[in-house]
All heavy atoms as atom14 arrays in JSON, in Angstrom:
{
  "sequence": "AIYEDSVEGRFTISRDNAKNTAYLQMNNLKPEDTATYFCAARQGTVY",
  "atom14_mask": [
    [1, 1, 1, 1, 1, 0, 0, 0, 0, 0, 0, 0, 0, 0],
    [1, 1, 1, 1, 1, 1, 1, 1, 0, 0, 0, 0, 0, 0],
    [1, 1, 1, 1, 1, 1, 1, 1, 1, 1, 1, 1, 0, 0],
    [1, 1, 1, 1, 1, 1, 1, 1, 1, 0, 0, 0, 0, 0],
    [1, 1, 1, 1, 1, 1, 1, 1, 0, 0, 0, 0, 0, 0],
    [1, 1, 1, 1, 1, 1, 0, 0, 0, 0, 0, 0, 0, 0],
    [1, 1, 1, 1, 1, 1, 1, 0, 0, 0, 0, 0, 0, 0],
    [1, 1, 1, 1, 1, 1, 1, 1, 1, 0, 0, 0, 0, 0],
    [1, 1, 1, 1, 0, 0, 0, 0, 0, 0, 0, 0, 0, 0],
    [1, 1, 1, 1, 1, 1, 1, 1, 1, 1, 1, 0, 0, 0],
    [1, 1, 1, 1, 1, 1, 1, 1, 1, 1, 1, 0, 0, 0],
    [1, 1, 1, 1, 1, 1, 1, 0, 0, 0, 0, 0, 0, 0],
    [1, 1, 1, 1, 1, 1, 1, 1, 0, 0, 0, 0, 0, 0],
    [1, 1, 1, 1, 1, 1, 0, 0, 0, 0, 0, 0, 0, 0],
    [1, 1, 1, 1, 1, 1, 1, 1, 1, 1, 1, 0, 0, 0],
    [1, 1, 1, 1, 1, 1, 1, 1, 0, 0, 0, 0, 0, 0],
    [1, 1, 1, 1, 1, 1, 1, 1, 0, 0, 0, 0, 0, 0],
    [1, 1, 1, 1, 1, 0, 0, 0, 0, 0, 0, 0, 0, 0],
    [1, 1, 1, 1, 1, 1, 1, 1, 1, 0, 0, 0, 0, 0],
    [1, 1, 1, 1, 1, 1, 1, 1, 0, 0, 0, 0, 0, 0],
    [1, 1, 1, 1, 1, 1, 1, 0, 0, 0, 0, 0, 0, 0],
    [1, 1, 1, 1, 1, 0, 0, 0, 0, 0, 0, 0, 0, 0],
    [1, 1, 1, 1, 1, 1, 1, 1, 1, 1, 1, 1, 0, 0],
    [1, 1, 1, 1, 1, 1, 1, 1, 0, 0, 0, 0, 0, 0],
    [1, 1, 1, 1, 1, 1, 1, 1, 1, 0, 0, 0, 0, 0],
    [1, 1, 1, 1, 1, 1, 1, 1, 0, 0, 0, 0, 0, 0],
    [1, 1, 1, 1, 1, 1, 1, 1, 0, 0, 0, 0, 0, 0],
    [1, 1, 1, 1, 1, 1, 1, 1, 0, 0, 0, 0, 0, 0],
    [1, 1, 1, 1, 1, 1, 1, 1, 0, 0, 0, 0, 0, 0],
    [1, 1, 1, 1, 1, 1, 1, 1, 1, 0, 0, 0, 0, 0],
    [1, 1, 1, 1, 1, 1, 1, 0, 0, 0, 0, 0, 0, 0],
    [1, 1, 1, 1, 1, 1, 1, 1, 1, 0, 0, 0, 0, 0],
    [1, 1, 1, 1, 1, 1, 1, 1, 0, 0, 0, 0, 0, 0],
    [1, 1, 1, 1, 1, 1, 1, 0, 0, 0, 0, 0, 0, 0],
    [1, 1, 1, 1, 1, 0, 0, 0, 0, 0, 0, 0, 0, 0],
    [1, 1, 1, 1, 1, 1, 1, 0, 0, 0, 0, 0, 0, 0],
    [1, 1, 1, 1, 1, 1, 1, 1, 1, 1, 1, 1, 0, 0],
    [1, 1, 1, 1, 1, 1, 1, 1, 1, 1, 1, 0, 0, 0],
    [1, 1, 1, 1, 1, 1, 0, 0, 0, 0, 0, 0, 0, 0],
    [1, 1, 1, 1, 1, 0, 0, 0, 0, 0, 0, 0, 0, 0],
    [1, 1, 1, 1, 1, 0, 0, 0, 0, 0, 0, 0, 0, 0],
    [1, 1, 1, 1, 1, 1, 1, 1, 1, 1, 1, 0, 0, 0],
    [1, 1, 1, 1, 1, 1, 1, 1, 1, 0, 0, 0, 0, 0],
    [1, 1, 1, 1, 0, 0, 0, 0, 0, 0, 0, 0, 0, 0],
    [1, 1, 1, 1, 1, 1, 1, 0, 0, 0, 0, 0, 0, 0],
    [1, 1, 1, 1, 1, 1, 1, 0, 0, 0, 0, 0, 0, 0],
    [1, 1, 1, 1, 1, 1, 1, 1, 1, 1, 1, 1, 0, 0]
  ],
  "atom14_positions": [
    [[242.31, 153.79, 14.55], [243.06, 152.92, 15.46], [243.36, 151.56, 14.87], [242.53, 150.97, 14.16], [242.29, 152.75, 16.77], [0.0, 0.0, 0.0], [0.0, 0.0, 0.0], [0.0, 0.0, 0.0], [0.0, 0.0, 0.0], [0.0, 0.0, 0.0], [0.0, 0.0, 0.0], [0.0, 0.0, 0.0], [0.0, 0.0, 0.0], [0.0, 0.0, 0.0]],
    [[244.55, 151.05, 15.16], [244.94, 149.69, 14.8], [245.51, 149.0, 16.03], [245.98, 149.66, 16.96], [245.97, 149.66, 13.64], [247.25, 150.41, 14.03], [245.36, 150.25, 12.38], [248.37, 150.25, 13.01], [0.0, 0.0, 0.0], [0.0, 0.0, 0.0], [0.0, 0.0, 0.0], [0.0, 0.0, 0.0], [0.0, 0.0, 0.0], [0.0, 0.0, 0.0]],
    [[245.48, 147.66, 16.02], [245.84, 146.88, 17.19], [246.66, 145.66, 16.83], [246.52, 145.09, 15.75], [244.58, 146.41, 17.93], [243.71, 147.53, 18.42], [242.69, 148.04, 17.64], [243.93, 148.07, 19.68], [241.9, 149.07, 18.09], [243.14, 149.12, 20.15], [242.12, 149.61, 19.34], [241.34, 150.64, 19.8], [0.0, 0.0, 0.0], [0.0, 0.0, 0.0]],
    [[247.5, 145.24, 17.78], [248.15, 143.96, 17.69], [247.09, 142.87, 17.91], [246.16, 143.05, 18.7], [249.26, 143.87, 18.73], [250.21, 142.71, 18.56], [249.75, 141.49, 19.29], [249.15, 141.63, 20.38], [249.98, 140.38, 18.79], [0.0, 0.0, 0.0], [0.0, 0.0, 0.0], [0.0, 0.0, 0.0], [0.0, 0.0, 0.0], [0.0, 0.0, 0.0]],
    [[247.26, 141.73, 17.24], [246.21, 140.72, 17.24], [245.82, 140.24, 18.64], [244.64, 139.99, 18.91], [246.64, 139.51, 16.41], [246.64, 139.79, 14.92], [246.06, 140.81, 14.49], [247.22, 138.97, 14.18], [0.0, 0.0, 0.0], [0.0, 0.0, 0.0], [0.0, 0.0, 0.0], [0.0, 0.0, 0.0], [0.0, 0.0, 0.0], [0.0, 0.0, 0.0]],
    [[246.79, 140.1, 19.53], [246.51, 139.53, 20.84], [245.67, 140.44, 21.74], [245.12, 139.96, 22.73], [247.81, 139.16, 21.55], [248.54, 140.31, 21.93], [0.0, 0.0, 0.0], [0.0, 0.0, 0.0], [0.0, 0.0, 0.0], [0.0, 0.0, 0.0], [0.0, 0.0, 0.0], [0.0, 0.0, 0.0], [0.0, 0.0, 0.0], [0.0, 0.0, 0.0]],
    [[245.58, 141.72, 21.4], [244.79, 142.65, 22.22], [243.52, 143.1, 21.51], [242.7, 143.79, 22.12], [245.61, 143.87, 22.67], [246.91, 143.43, 23.33], [245.89, 144.81, 21.5], [0.0, 0.0, 0.0], [0.0, 0.0, 0.0], [0.0, 0.0, 0.0], [0.0, 0.0, 0.0], [0.0, 0.0, 0.0], [0.0, 0.0, 0.0], [0.0, 0.0, 0.0]],
    [[243.36, 142.74, 20.26], [242.17, 143.12, 19.5], [240.92, 142.65, 20.23], [240.79, 141.5, 20.62], [242.22, 142.5, 18.11], [241.07, 142.9, 17.19], [241.25, 144.28, 16.61], [242.38, 144.6, 16.17], [240.27, 145.04, 16.6], [0.0, 0.0, 0.0], [0.0, 0.0, 0.0], [0.0, 0.0, 0.0], [0.0, 0.0, 0.0], [0.0, 0.0, 0.0]],
    [[239.98, 143.58, 20.42], [238.75, 143.26, 21.11], [238.81, 143.4, 22.62], [237.76, 143.38, 23.28], [0.0, 0.0, 0.0], [0.0, 0.0, 0.0], [0.0, 0.0, 0.0], [0.0, 0.0, 0.0], [0.0, 0.0, 0.0], [0.0, 0.0, 0.0], [0.0, 0.0, 0.0], [0.0, 0.0, 0.0], [0.0, 0.0, 0.0], [0.0, 0.0, 0.0]],
    [[240.01, 143.54, 23.16], [240.17, 143.73, 24.61], [240.65, 145.13, 24.95], [240.25, 145.69, 25.96], [241.16, 142.72, 25.18], [240.71, 141.28, 25.06], [241.62, 140.35, 25.87], [243.01, 140.38, 25.37], [244.06, 140.69, 26.12], [243.91, 140.99, 27.41], [245.28, 140.68, 25.59], [0.0, 0.0, 0.0], [0.0, 0.0, 0.0], [0.0, 0.0, 0.0]],
    [[241.53, 145.68, 24.13], [242.11, 146.99, 24.38], [241.51, 148.01, 23.42], [241.19, 147.7, 22.27], [243.62, 146.98, 24.16], [244.42, 146.2, 25.17], [243.81, 145.38, 26.11], [245.8, 146.3, 25.18], [244.55, 144.67, 27.03], [246.56, 145.6, 26.09], [245.93, 144.78, 27.02], [0.0, 0.0, 0.0], [0.0, 0.0, 0.0], [0.0, 0.0, 0.0]],
    [[241.41, 149.25, 23.89], [240.94, 150.35, 23.05], [241.86, 151.55, 23.24], [242.04, 152.01, 24.37], [239.5, 150.75, 23.38], [238.63, 149.62, 23.23], [239.03, 151.86, 22.46], [0.0, 0.0, 0.0], [0.0, 0.0, 0.0], [0.0, 0.0, 0.0], [0.0, 0.0, 0.0], [0.0, 0.0, 0.0], [0.0, 0.0, 0.0], [0.0, 0.0, 0.0]],
    [[242.42, 152.05, 22.15], [243.2, 153.27, 22.2], [242.31, 154.43, 21.79], [241.47, 154.3, 20.89], [244.45, 153.18, 21.3], [245.36, 154.39, 21.51], [244.09, 153.0, 19.84], [246.71, 154.27, 20.83], [0.0, 0.0, 0.0], [0.0, 0.0, 0.0], [0.0, 0.0, 0.0], [0.0, 0.0, 0.0], [0.0, 0.0, 0.0], [0.0, 0.0, 0.0]],
    [[242.47, 155.56, 22.45], [241.7, 156.74, 22.13], [242.51, 157.98, 22.46], [243.57, 157.9, 23.09], [240.36, 156.75, 22.87], [240.56, 156.79, 24.27], [0.0, 0.0, 0.0], [0.0, 0.0, 0.0], [0.0, 0.0, 0.0], [0.0, 0.0, 0.0], [0.0, 0.0, 0.0], [0.0, 0.0, 0.0], [0.0, 0.0, 0.0], [0.0, 0.0, 0.0]],
    [[242.0, 159.12, 22.04], [242.7, 160.37, 22.31], [241.7, 161.46, 22.64], [240.57, 161.47, 22.15], [243.57, 160.78, 21.12], [242.78, 161.08, 19.85], [243.72, 161.19, 18.64], [244.65, 162.29, 18.79], [245.83, 162.35, 18.16], [246.2, 161.37, 17.36], [246.62, 163.41, 18.35], [0.0, 0.0, 0.0], [0.0, 0.0, 0.0], [0.0, 0.0, 0.0]],
    [[242.13, 162.39, 23.47], [241.36, 163.57, 23.81], [242.25, 164.76, 23.48], [243.13, 165.12, 24.25], [240.95, 163.56, 25.27], [240.03, 164.71, 25.63], [240.01, 165.72, 24.91], [239.32, 164.59, 26.65], [0.0, 0.0, 0.0], [0.0, 0.0, 0.0], [0.0, 0.0, 0.0], [0.0, 0.0, 0.0], [0.0, 0.0, 0.0], [0.0, 0.0, 0.0]],
    [[242.01, 165.35, 22.33], [242.88, 166.43, 21.87], [242.79, 167.67, 22.76], [243.77, 168.42, 22.87], [242.55, 166.79, 20.42], [242.94, 165.7, 19.45], [243.81, 164.88, 19.74], [242.29, 165.67, 18.3], [0.0, 0.0, 0.0], [0.0, 0.0, 0.0], [0.0, 0.0, 0.0], [0.0, 0.0, 0.0], [0.0, 0.0, 0.0], [0.0, 0.0, 0.0]],
    [[241.65, 167.89, 23.37], [241.49, 169.03, 24.26], [242.37, 168.92, 25.5], [242.72, 169.93, 26.11], [240.03, 169.2, 24.67], [0.0, 0.0, 0.0], [0.0, 0.0, 0.0], [0.0, 0.0, 0.0], [0.0, 0.0, 0.0], [0.0, 0.0, 0.0], [0.0, 0.0, 0.0], [0.0, 0.0, 0.0], [0.0, 0.0, 0.0], [0.0, 0.0, 0.0]],
    [[242.72, 167.69, 25.88], [243.54, 167.45, 27.06], [244.96, 167.02, 26.72], [245.74, 166.7, 27.62], [242.89, 166.39, 27.94], [241.55, 166.8, 28.51], [240.97, 165.71, 29.4], [239.65, 166.13, 30.01], [239.09, 165.07, 30.88], [0.0, 0.0, 0.0], [0.0, 0.0, 0.0], [0.0, 0.0, 0.0], [0.0, 0.0, 0.0], [0.0, 0.0, 0.0]],
    [[245.3, 166.99, 25.44], [246.62, 166.51, 25.0], [246.94, 165.15, 25.61], [248.06, 164.91, 26.08], [247.71, 167.52, 25.35], [247.86, 168.61, 24.33], [246.91, 168.96, 23.63], [249.06, 169.18, 24.24], [0.0, 0.0, 0.0], [0.0, 0.0, 0.0], [0.0, 0.0, 0.0], [0.0, 0.0, 0.0], [0.0, 0.0, 0.0], [0.0, 0.0, 0.0]],
    [[245.97, 164.26, 25.58], [246.1, 162.98, 26.26], [245.66, 161.83, 25.37], [244.65, 161.93, 24.68], [245.28, 162.97, 27.55], [245.73, 164.03, 28.41], [245.43, 161.65, 28.3], [0.0, 0.0, 0.0], [0.0, 0.0, 0.0], [0.0, 0.0, 0.0], [0.0, 0.0, 0.0], [0.0, 0.0, 0.0], [0.0, 0.0, 0.0], [0.0, 0.0, 0.0]],
    [[246.43, 160.75, 25.41], [246.05, 159.49, 24.8], [245.75, 158.48, 25.9], [246.33, 158.55, 26.99], [247.16, 158.96, 23.9], [0.0, 0.0, 0.0], [0.0, 0.0, 0.0], [0.0, 0.0, 0.0], [0.0, 0.0, 0.0], [0.0, 0.0, 0.0], [0.0, 0.0, 0.0], [0.0, 0.0, 0.0], [0.0, 0.0, 0.0], [0.0, 0.0, 0.0]],
    [[244.86, 157.55, 25.61], [244.47, 156.54, 26.57], [244.61, 155.15, 25.98], [244.51, 154.96, 24.77], [243.01, 156.73, 26.99], [242.72, 158.08, 27.59], [242.17, 159.1, 26.81], [242.98, 158.34, 28.93], [241.9, 160.34, 27.35], [242.7, 159.58, 29.47], [242.17, 160.57, 28.69], [241.9, 161.8, 29.24], [0.0, 0.0, 0.0], [0.0, 0.0, 0.0]],
    [[244.81, 154.19, 26.86], [244.71, 152.79, 26.49], [243.82, 152.11, 27.52], [244.25, 151.89, 28.66], [246.07, 152.12, 26.42], [246.06, 150.67, 25.93], [245.66, 150.61, 24.46], [247.41, 150.0, 26.15], [0.0, 0.0, 0.0], [0.0, 0.0, 0.0], [0.0, 0.0, 0.0], [0.0, 0.0, 0.0], [0.0, 0.0, 0.0], [0.0, 0.0, 0.0]],
    [[242.59, 151.82, 27.13], [241.68, 151.08, 27.99], [241.95, 149.6, 27.79], [241.85, 149.09, 26.68], [240.23, 151.39, 27.63], [239.2, 150.63, 28.45], [239.21, 151.02, 29.91], [239.28, 152.2, 30.23], [239.15, 150.04, 30.79], [0.0, 0.0, 0.0], [0.0, 0.0, 0.0], [0.0, 0.0, 0.0], [0.0, 0.0, 0.0], [0.0, 0.0, 0.0]],
    [[242.3, 148.92, 28.86], [242.67, 147.51, 28.8], [241.66, 146.71, 29.61], [241.6, 146.84, 30.83], [244.08, 147.29, 29.34], [245.13, 148.13, 28.64], [246.82, 147.76, 29.19], [246.71, 148.35, 30.88], [0.0, 0.0, 0.0], [0.0, 0.0, 0.0], [0.0, 0.0, 0.0], [0.0, 0.0, 0.0], [0.0, 0.0, 0.0], [0.0, 0.0, 0.0]],
    [[240.88, 145.89, 28.93], [239.88, 145.05, 29.57], [240.28, 143.59, 29.48], [241.06, 143.2, 28.61], [238.52, 145.25, 28.91], [237.97, 146.64, 29.08], [238.24, 147.32, 30.07], [237.18, 147.08, 28.1], [0.0, 0.0, 0.0], [0.0, 0.0, 0.0], [0.0, 0.0, 0.0], [0.0, 0.0, 0.0], [0.0, 0.0, 0.0], [0.0, 0.0, 0.0]],
    [[239.71, 142.79, 30.37], [239.99, 141.35, 30.38], [241.48, 141.06, 30.33], [241.96, 140.28, 29.5], [239.26, 140.66, 29.23], [239.27, 139.15, 29.35], [239.39, 138.6, 30.45], [239.14, 138.47, 28.21], [0.0, 0.0, 0.0], [0.0, 0.0, 0.0], [0.0, 0.0, 0.0], [0.0, 0.0, 0.0], [0.0, 0.0, 0.0], [0.0, 0.0, 0.0]],
    [[242.21, 141.69, 31.21], [243.66, 141.54, 31.22], [244.07, 140.11, 31.52], [243.42, 139.4, 32.29], [244.28, 142.49, 32.23], [244.35, 143.94, 31.75], [244.5, 144.9, 32.93], [245.51, 144.11, 30.77], [0.0, 0.0, 0.0], [0.0, 0.0, 0.0], [0.0, 0.0, 0.0], [0.0, 0.0, 0.0], [0.0, 0.0, 0.0], [0.0, 0.0, 0.0]],
    [[245.17, 139.71, 30.9], [245.72, 138.37, 31.04], [247.13, 138.46, 31.58], [247.81, 139.47, 31.4], [245.74, 137.66, 29.69], [244.37, 137.55, 29.02], [244.49, 136.92, 27.65], [243.13, 136.81, 26.99], [243.23, 136.19, 25.64], [0.0, 0.0, 0.0], [0.0, 0.0, 0.0], [0.0, 0.0, 0.0], [0.0, 0.0, 0.0], [0.0, 0.0, 0.0]],
    [[247.62, 137.41, 32.23], [249.0, 137.44, 32.73], [250.03, 137.78, 31.65], [251.02, 138.46, 31.95], [249.21, 136.03, 33.29], [247.85, 135.62, 33.73], [246.92, 136.2, 32.7], [0.0, 0.0, 0.0], [0.0, 0.0, 0.0], [0.0, 0.0, 0.0], [0.0, 0.0, 0.0], [0.0, 0.0, 0.0], [0.0, 0.0, 0.0], [0.0, 0.0, 0.0]],
    [[249.8, 137.34, 30.43], [250.73, 137.64, 29.36], [250.74, 139.1, 28.93], [251.58, 139.5, 28.12], [250.48, 136.73, 28.14], [249.05, 136.74, 27.66], [248.24, 135.57, 28.19], [248.37, 135.25, 29.39], [247.49, 134.97, 27.39], [0.0, 0.0, 0.0], [0.0, 0.0, 0.0], [0.0, 0.0, 0.0], [0.0, 0.0, 0.0], [0.0, 0.0, 0.0]],
    [[249.81, 139.9, 29.46], [249.83, 141.34, 29.23], [250.81, 142.05, 30.15], [251.03, 143.26, 30.0], [248.44, 141.95, 29.42], [247.43, 141.44, 28.41], [247.78, 141.33, 27.22], [246.28, 141.17, 28.82], [0.0, 0.0, 0.0], [0.0, 0.0, 0.0], [0.0, 0.0, 0.0], [0.0, 0.0, 0.0], [0.0, 0.0, 0.0], [0.0, 0.0, 0.0]],
    [[251.37, 141.35, 31.11], [252.31, 141.95, 32.05], [253.53, 142.49, 31.31], [254.19, 141.77, 30.57], [252.75, 140.93, 33.1], [251.62, 140.56, 33.9], [253.83, 141.5, 34.0], [0.0, 0.0, 0.0], [0.0, 0.0, 0.0], [0.0, 0.0, 0.0], [0.0, 0.0, 0.0], [0.0, 0.0, 0.0], [0.0, 0.0, 0.0], [0.0, 0.0, 0.0]],
    [[253.81, 143.78, 31.51], [254.91, 144.43, 30.81], [254.99, 145.87, 31.28], [254.09, 146.38, 31.95], [254.69, 144.4, 29.29], [0.0, 0.0, 0.0], [0.0, 0.0, 0.0], [0.0, 0.0, 0.0], [0.0, 0.0, 0.0], [0.0, 0.0, 0.0], [0.0, 0.0, 0.0], [0.0, 0.0, 0.0], [0.0, 0.0, 0.0], [0.0, 0.0, 0.0]],
    [[256.06, 146.53, 30.88], [256.12, 147.98, 30.97], [255.5, 148.54, 29.7], [255.89, 148.16, 28.6], [257.56, 148.48, 31.13], [258.13, 147.91, 32.31], [257.59, 149.99, 31.24], [0.0, 0.0, 0.0], [0.0, 0.0, 0.0], [0.0, 0.0, 0.0], [0.0, 0.0, 0.0], [0.0, 0.0, 0.0], [0.0, 0.0, 0.0], [0.0, 0.0, 0.0]],
    [[254.54, 149.43, 29.86], [253.84, 150.01, 28.73], [254.37, 151.41, 28.46], [254.47, 152.24, 29.37], [252.34, 150.05, 28.99], [251.69, 148.71, 28.82], [251.93, 147.68, 29.73], [250.85, 148.45, 27.74], [251.35, 146.43, 29.56], [250.27, 147.21, 27.57], [250.52, 146.2, 28.48], [249.95, 144.97, 28.31], [0.0, 0.0, 0.0], [0.0, 0.0, 0.0]],
    [[254.7, 151.67, 27.21], [255.28, 152.94, 26.79], [254.35, 153.65, 25.82], [253.82, 153.05, 24.89], [256.62, 152.71, 26.09], [257.68, 152.12, 26.96], [257.82, 150.75, 27.08], [258.54, 152.95, 27.68], [258.8, 150.2, 27.89], [259.52, 152.41, 28.48], [259.66, 151.04, 28.59], [0.0, 0.0, 0.0], [0.0, 0.0, 0.0], [0.0, 0.0, 0.0]],
    [[254.19, 154.94, 26.02], [253.53, 155.79, 25.07], [254.56, 156.29, 24.07], [255.7, 156.59, 24.44], [252.88, 156.97, 25.79], [251.97, 158.11, 24.74], [0.0, 0.0, 0.0], [0.0, 0.0, 0.0], [0.0, 0.0, 0.0], [0.0, 0.0, 0.0], [0.0, 0.0, 0.0], [0.0, 0.0, 0.0], [0.0, 0.0, 0.0], [0.0, 0.0, 0.0]],
    [[254.17, 156.37, 22.8], [255.05, 156.84, 21.76], [254.29, 157.74, 20.8], [253.06, 157.66, 20.7], [255.67, 155.67, 20.99], [0.0, 0.0, 0.0], [0.0, 0.0, 0.0], [0.0, 0.0, 0.0], [0.0, 0.0, 0.0], [0.0, 0.0, 0.0], [0.0, 0.0, 0.0], [0.0, 0.0, 0.0], [0.0, 0.0, 0.0], [0.0, 0.0, 0.0]],
    [[255.01, 158.58, 20.09], [254.38, 159.49, 19.14], [255.28, 159.73, 17.95], [256.51, 159.62, 18.03], [254.05, 160.82, 19.82], [0.0, 0.0, 0.0], [0.0, 0.0, 0.0], [0.0, 0.0, 0.0], [0.0, 0.0, 0.0], [0.0, 0.0, 0.0], [0.0, 0.0, 0.0], [0.0, 0.0, 0.0], [0.0, 0.0, 0.0], [0.0, 0.0, 0.0]],
    [[254.65, 160.06, 16.84], [255.35, 160.45, 15.63], [254.49, 161.41, 14.85], [253.27, 161.49, 15.07], [255.69, 159.23, 14.76], [254.47, 158.57, 14.14], [254.86, 157.35, 13.29], [255.87, 157.66, 12.29], [255.62, 158.15, 11.09], [254.37, 158.4, 10.7], [256.63, 158.41, 10.26], [0.0, 0.0, 0.0], [0.0, 0.0, 0.0], [0.0, 0.0, 0.0]],
    [[255.1, 162.14, 13.96], [254.36, 162.98, 13.03], [253.99, 162.15, 11.81], [254.86, 161.54, 11.19], [255.19, 164.18, 12.6], [255.55, 165.15, 13.72], [254.4, 166.04, 14.11], [253.32, 166.0, 13.54], [254.63, 166.86, 15.13], [0.0, 0.0, 0.0], [0.0, 0.0, 0.0], [0.0, 0.0, 0.0], [0.0, 0.0, 0.0], [0.0, 0.0, 0.0]],
    [[252.7, 162.12, 11.48], [252.28, 161.48, 10.24], [251.59, 160.15, 10.43], [250.92, 159.9, 11.42], [0.0, 0.0, 0.0], [0.0, 0.0, 0.0], [0.0, 0.0, 0.0], [0.0, 0.0, 0.0], [0.0, 0.0, 0.0], [0.0, 0.0, 0.0], [0.0, 0.0, 0.0], [0.0, 0.0, 0.0], [0.0, 0.0, 0.0], [0.0, 0.0, 0.0]],
    [[251.8, 159.28, 9.45], [251.05, 158.05, 9.27], [251.15, 157.09, 10.44], [252.2, 156.97, 11.08], [251.54, 157.35, 7.98], [251.42, 158.25, 6.88], [250.73, 156.11, 7.67], [0.0, 0.0, 0.0], [0.0, 0.0, 0.0], [0.0, 0.0, 0.0], [0.0, 0.0, 0.0], [0.0, 0.0, 0.0], [0.0, 0.0, 0.0], [0.0, 0.0, 0.0]],
    [[250.07, 156.36, 10.68], [250.04, 155.31, 11.69], [250.87, 154.12, 11.21], [250.65, 153.58, 10.13], [248.59, 154.85, 11.95], [248.57, 153.66, 12.9], [247.78, 156.0, 12.52], [0.0, 0.0, 0.0], [0.0, 0.0, 0.0], [0.0, 0.0, 0.0], [0.0, 0.0, 0.0], [0.0, 0.0, 0.0], [0.0, 0.0, 0.0], [0.0, 0.0, 0.0]],
    [[251.83, 153.69, 12.03], [252.64, 152.51, 11.78], [252.66, 151.65, 13.02], [252.43, 152.14, 14.13], [254.07, 152.88, 11.41], [254.24, 153.52, 10.06], [254.71, 154.82, 9.94], [253.97, 152.81, 8.89], [254.88, 155.41, 8.7], [254.14, 153.39, 7.65], [254.59, 154.69, 7.56], [254.76, 155.27, 6.32], [0.0, 0.0, 0.0], [0.0, 0.0, 0.0]]
  ]
}
């Protein structure tokens, strides 16, 4: 996992392959986190 600097230490991305599901645990949310959040996928390397 890699993170944008402003969420490092607050957010955790994880996956459960048995459920075909990805998660984003967001702790200590701040007003500047307000947004529409999109899930995305690609084949291959993390970018």
